[in-house]
């Protein structure tokens, strides 16, 4: 068994050495045309990355109302950390509601998914985001 392991080890070292030599040789084959690279940047145009969002969702969806909460950020938090209820803490919910989200993992994911859908609808339509801010209820979409 030891002889076989020794052969496998030597074969692995040989493969690694050959791959290192082949990549070192490949680095010498490529060159950069710096003049074309500079021309590419000279012909480029400065773009504001937030302009795409303001055109799609409107400025109020990104800036939020006077409460300072942003629907886009609440939506992103619900998407990534929904079962932990981090979006609810961001929106200013009651502490025990947030603890309930953590203990139930967002109502087994069902309540967190509905929160995510409601925030997506709010992000697109911009109807009544104020109903979700400082909402102490576990089901924030129920009036």
C-alpha atoms as a PDB file:
ATOM      1  CA  UNK A   1       0.000   0.000   0.000  1.00  0.00           C
ATOM      2  CA  UNK A   2       2.851   2.378   0.821  1.00  0.00           C
ATOM      3  CA  UNK A   3       4.397   1.927  -2.608  1.00  0.00           C
ATOM      4  CA  UNK A   4       1.113   2.820  -4.264  1.00  0.00           C
ATOM      5  CA  UNK A   5       0.719   5.949  -2.142  1.00  0.00           C
ATOM      6  CA  UNK A   6       4.253   6.979  -3.046  1.00  0.00           C
ATOM      7  CA  UNK A   7       3.469   6.611  -6.753  1.00  0.00           C
ATOM      8  CA  UNK A   8       0.280   8.635  -6.372  1.00  0.00           C
ATOM      9  CA  UNK A   9       2.166  11.359  -4.518  1.00  0.00           C
ATOM     10  CA  UNK A  10       4.859  11.552  -7.187  1.00  0.00           C
ATOM     11  CA  UNK A  11       2.226  11.627  -9.930  1.00  0.00           C
ATOM     12  CA  UNK A  12       0.405  14.491  -8.152  1.00  0.00           C
ATOM     13  CA  UNK A  13       3.658  16.466  -7.817  1.00  0.00           C
ATOM     14  CA  UNK A  14       4.425  15.850 -11.493  1.00  0.00           C
ATOM     15  CA  UNK A  15       0.952  17.059 -12.570  1.00  0.00           C
ATOM     16  CA  UNK A  16       1.196  20.173 -10.399  1.00  0.00           C
ATOM     17  CA  UNK A  17       4.654  20.968 -11.746  1.00  0.00           C
ATOM     18  CA  UNK A  18       3.548  20.555 -15.358  1.00  0.00           C
ATOM     19  CA  UNK A  19       0.486  22.739 -14.821  1.00  0.00           C
ATOM     20  CA  UNK A  20       2.642  25.429 -13.196  1.00  0.00           C
ATOM     21  CA  UNK A  21       5.103  25.339 -16.101  1.00  0.00           C
ATOM     22  CA  UNK A  22       2.311  25.525 -18.696  1.00  0.00           C
ATOM     23  CA  UNK A  23       0.674  28.549 -17.004  1.00  0.00           C
ATOM     24  CA  UNK A  24       4.016  30.296 -16.667  1.00  0.00           C
ATOM     25  CA  UNK A  25       4.588  29.803 -20.395  1.00  0.00           C
ATOM     26  CA  UNK A  26       1.068  31.051 -21.228  1.00  0.00           C
ATOM     27  CA  UNK A  27       1.676  34.363 -19.473  1.00  0.00           C
ATOM     28  CA  UNK A  28       4.338  35.282 -22.033  1.00  0.00           C
ATOM     29  CA  UNK A  29       1.992  34.738 -24.996  1.00  0.00           C
ATOM     30  CA  UNK A  30      -0.444  37.558 -24.233  1.00  0.00           C
ATOM     31  CA  UNK A  31       0.198  41.257 -24.641  1.00  0.00           C
ATOM     32  CA  UNK A  32      -1.931  44.344 -24.079  1.00  0.00           C
ATOM     33  CA  UNK A  33      -2.308  47.036 -26.679  1.00  0.00           C
ATOM     34  CA  UNK A  34      -2.143  50.017 -24.324  1.00  0.00           C
ATOM     35  CA  UNK A  35      -3.098  52.521 -27.024  1.00  0.00           C
ATOM     36  CA  UNK A  36      -6.331  50.639 -27.770  1.00  0.00           C
ATOM     37  CA  UNK A  37      -6.973  50.337 -24.039  1.00  0.00           C
ATOM     38  CA  UNK A  38      -6.561  54.101 -23.553  1.00  0.00           C
ATOM     39  CA  UNK A  39      -8.764  54.803 -26.584  1.00  0.00           C
ATOM     40  CA  UNK A  40     -11.465  52.591 -25.121  1.00  0.00           C
ATOM     41  CA  UNK A  41     -11.516  54.566 -21.883  1.00  0.00           C
ATOM     42  CA  UNK A  42     -11.336  57.891 -23.718  1.00  0.00           C
ATOM     43  CA  UNK A  43     -14.440  56.973 -25.731  1.00  0.00           C
ATOM     44  CA  UNK A  44     -16.367  55.778 -22.657  1.00  0.00           C
ATOM     45  CA  UNK A  45     -19.106  57.727 -20.915  1.00  0.00           C
ATOM     46  CA  UNK A  46     -19.556  58.305 -17.178  1.00  0.00           C
ATOM     47  CA  UNK A  47     -22.764  56.665 -15.939  1.00  0.00           C
ATOM     48  CA  UNK A  48     -24.558  57.212 -12.632  1.00  0.00           C
ATOM     49  CA  UNK A  49     -25.402  53.701 -11.379  1.00  0.00           C
ATOM     50  CA  UNK A  50     -28.408  54.945  -9.403  1.00  0.00           C
ATOM     51  CA  UNK A  51     -30.037  56.487 -12.481  1.00  0.00           C
ATOM     52  CA  UNK A  52     -31.185  53.068 -13.652  1.00  0.00           C
ATOM     53  CA  UNK A  53     -32.993  52.482 -10.363  1.00  0.00           C
ATOM     54  CA  UNK A  54     -34.558  55.916 -10.210  1.00  0.00           C
ATOM     55  CA  UNK A  55     -35.935  55.437 -13.704  1.00  0.00           C
ATOM     56  CA  UNK A  56     -37.333  51.999 -12.921  1.00  0.00           C
ATOM     57  CA  UNK A  57     -38.714  52.592  -9.454  1.00  0.00           C
ATOM     58  CA  UNK A  58     -38.951  56.362  -9.132  1.00  0.00           C
ATOM     59  CA  UNK A  59     -37.049  58.545  -6.711  1.00  0.00           C
ATOM     60  CA  UNK A  60     -39.389  57.999  -3.778  1.00  0.00           C
ATOM     61  CA  UNK A  61     -38.712  54.262  -3.771  1.00  0.00           C
ATOM     62  CA  UNK A  62     -35.016  54.869  -3.308  1.00  0.00           C
ATOM     63  CA  UNK A  63     -35.114  57.784  -0.936  1.00  0.00           C
ATOM     64  CA  UNK A  64     -38.150  56.828   1.112  1.00  0.00           C
ATOM     65  CA  UNK A  65     -40.516  59.292   2.706  1.00  0.00           C
ATOM     66  CA  UNK A  66     -39.798  61.521   5.676  1.00  0.00           C
ATOM     67  CA  UNK A  67     -39.262  58.499   7.978  1.00  0.00           C
ATOM     68  CA  UNK A  68     -35.892  57.817   6.327  1.00  0.00           C
ATOM     69  CA  UNK A  69     -36.583  54.137   5.576  1.00  0.00           C
ATOM     70  CA  UNK A  70     -35.899  52.958   2.045  1.00  0.00           C
ATOM     71  CA  UNK A  71     -38.175  50.361   0.430  1.00  0.00           C
ATOM     72  CA  UNK A  72     -35.328  49.068  -1.737  1.00  0.00           C
ATOM     73  CA  UNK A  73     -33.172  48.310   1.304  1.00  0.00           C
ATOM     74  CA  UNK A  74     -36.084  46.702   3.171  1.00  0.00           C
ATOM     75  CA  UNK A  75     -36.760  44.539   0.107  1.00  0.00           C
ATOM     76  CA  UNK A  76     -33.093  43.500  -0.146  1.00  0.00           C
ATOM     77  CA  UNK A  77     -32.960  42.620   3.559  1.00  0.00           C
ATOM     78  CA  UNK A  78     -36.177  40.594   3.252  1.00  0.00           C
ATOM     79  CA  UNK A  79     -34.742  38.773   0.254  1.00  0.00           C
ATOM     80  CA  UNK A  80     -31.421  37.859   1.866  1.00  0.00           C
ATOM     81  CA  UNK A  81     -32.247  37.590   5.577  1.00  0.00           C
ATOM     82  CA  UNK A  82     -36.031  37.224   5.524  1.00  0.00           C
ATOM     83  CA  UNK A  83     -36.423  34.282   7.918  1.00  0.00           C
ATOM     84  CA  UNK A  84     -34.345  36.131  10.533  1.00  0.00           C
ATOM     85  CA  UNK A  85     -36.610  39.181  10.342  1.00  0.00           C
ATOM     86  CA  UNK A  86     -33.784  41.662   9.823  1.00  0.00           C
ATOM     87  CA  UNK A  87     -36.007  43.633   7.432  1.00  0.00           C
ATOM     88  CA  UNK A  88     -38.543  43.999  10.239  1.00  0.00           C
ATOM     89  CA  UNK A  89     -35.900  45.366  12.608  1.00  0.00           C
ATOM     90  CA  UNK A  90     -34.874  47.809   9.877  1.00  0.00           C
ATOM     91  CA  UNK A  91     -38.467  48.931   9.418  1.00  0.00           C
ATOM     92  CA  UNK A  92     -38.758  49.597  13.155  1.00  0.00           C
ATOM     93  CA  UNK A  93     -41.011  46.794  14.317  1.00  0.00           C
ATOM     94  CA  UNK A  94     -41.552  45.897  17.961  1.00  0.00           C
ATOM     95  CA  UNK A  95     -38.718  43.941  19.547  1.00  0.00           C
ATOM     96  CA  UNK A  96     -40.845  40.923  20.398  1.00  0.00           C
ATOM     97  CA  UNK A  97     -42.096  40.724  16.811  1.00  0.00           C
ATOM     98  CA  UNK A  98     -38.491  40.496  15.643  1.00  0.00           C
ATOM     99  CA  UNK A  99     -37.779  37.847  18.270  1.00  0.00           C
ATOM    100  CA  UNK A 100     -40.849  35.955  17.035  1.00  0.00           C
ATOM    101  CA  UNK A 101     -39.450  36.083  13.506  1.00  0.00           C
ATOM    102  CA  UNK A 102     -36.129  34.693  14.691  1.00  0.00           C
ATOM    103  CA  UNK A 103     -37.684  31.919  16.788  1.00  0.00           C
ATOM    104  CA  UNK A 104     -40.077  30.788  14.057  1.00  0.00           C
ATOM    105  CA  UNK A 105     -37.654  31.505  11.189  1.00  0.00           C
ATOM    106  CA  UNK A 106     -40.136  33.877   9.633  1.00  0.00           C
ATOM    107  CA  UNK A 107     -43.178  31.677  10.225  1.00  0.00           C
ATOM    108  CA  UNK A 108     -41.350  28.690   8.694  1.00  0.00           C
ATOM    109  CA  UNK A 109     -40.444  30.943   5.788  1.00  0.00           C
ATOM    110  CA  UNK A 110     -44.054  31.565   4.786  1.00  0.00           C
ATOM    111  CA  UNK A 111     -44.477  34.926   6.521  1.00  0.00           C
ATOM    112  CA  UNK A 112     -41.012  36.026   5.387  1.00  0.00           C
ATOM    113  CA  UNK A 113     -41.878  35.138   1.783  1.00  0.00           C
ATOM    114  CA  UNK A 114     -45.125  37.092   1.926  1.00  0.00           C
ATOM    115  CA  UNK A 115     -43.219  40.043   3.455  1.00  0.00           C
ATOM    116  CA  UNK A 116     -40.769  39.844   0.551  1.00  0.00           C
ATOM    117  CA  UNK A 117     -43.600  39.818  -2.002  1.00  0.00           C
ATOM    118  CA  UNK A 118     -45.375  42.744  -0.325  1.00  0.00           C
ATOM    119  CA  UNK A 119     -42.150  44.777  -0.239  1.00  0.00           C
ATOM    120  CA  UNK A 120     -41.544  43.964  -3.912  1.00  0.00           C
ATOM    121  CA  UNK A 121     -45.026  45.189  -4.785  1.00  0.00           C
ATOM    122  CA  UNK A 122     -44.428  48.304  -2.693  1.00  0.00           C
ATOM    123  CA  UNK A 123     -41.106  48.887  -4.395  1.00  0.00           C
ATOM    124  CA  UNK A 124     -42.746  48.812  -7.816  1.00  0.00           C
ATOM    125  CA  UNK A 125     -46.020  50.601  -7.049  1.00  0.00           C
ATOM    126  CA  UNK A 126     -44.952  52.997  -4.260  1.00  0.00           C
ATOM    127  CA  UNK A 127     -48.416  52.995  -2.705  1.00  0.00           C
ATOM    128  CA  UNK A 128     -48.288  52.844   1.062  1.00  0.00           C
ATOM    129  CA  UNK A 129     -44.834  52.078   2.399  1.00  0.00           C
ATOM    130  CA  UNK A 130     -45.654  54.019   5.576  1.00  0.00           C
ATOM    131  CA  UNK A 131     -47.949  51.146   6.619  1.00  0.00           C
ATOM    132  CA  UNK A 132     -44.917  48.880   6.974  1.00  0.00           C
ATOM    133  CA  UNK A 133     -42.722  51.300   8.940  1.00  0.00           C
ATOM    134  CA  UNK A 134     -42.943  50.997  12.753  1.00  0.00           C
ATOM    135  CA  UNK A 135     -45.572  48.277  12.359  1.00  0.00           C
ATOM    136  CA  UNK A 136     -45.718  46.168  15.565  1.00  0.00           C
ATOM    137  CA  UNK A 137     -47.800  43.304  14.059  1.00  0.00           C
ATOM    138  CA  UNK A 138     -46.283  39.939  13.132  1.00  0.00           C
ATOM    139  CA  UNK A 139     -48.204  40.024   9.846  1.00  0.00           C
ATOM    140  CA  UNK A 140     -47.233  43.494   8.685  1.00  0.00           C
ATOM    141  CA  UNK A 141     -49.433  43.423   5.583  1.00  0.00           C
ATOM    142  CA  UNK A 142     -52.672  42.892   7.562  1.00  0.00           C
ATOM    143  CA  UNK A 143     -54.456  46.151   8.385  1.00  0.00           C
END
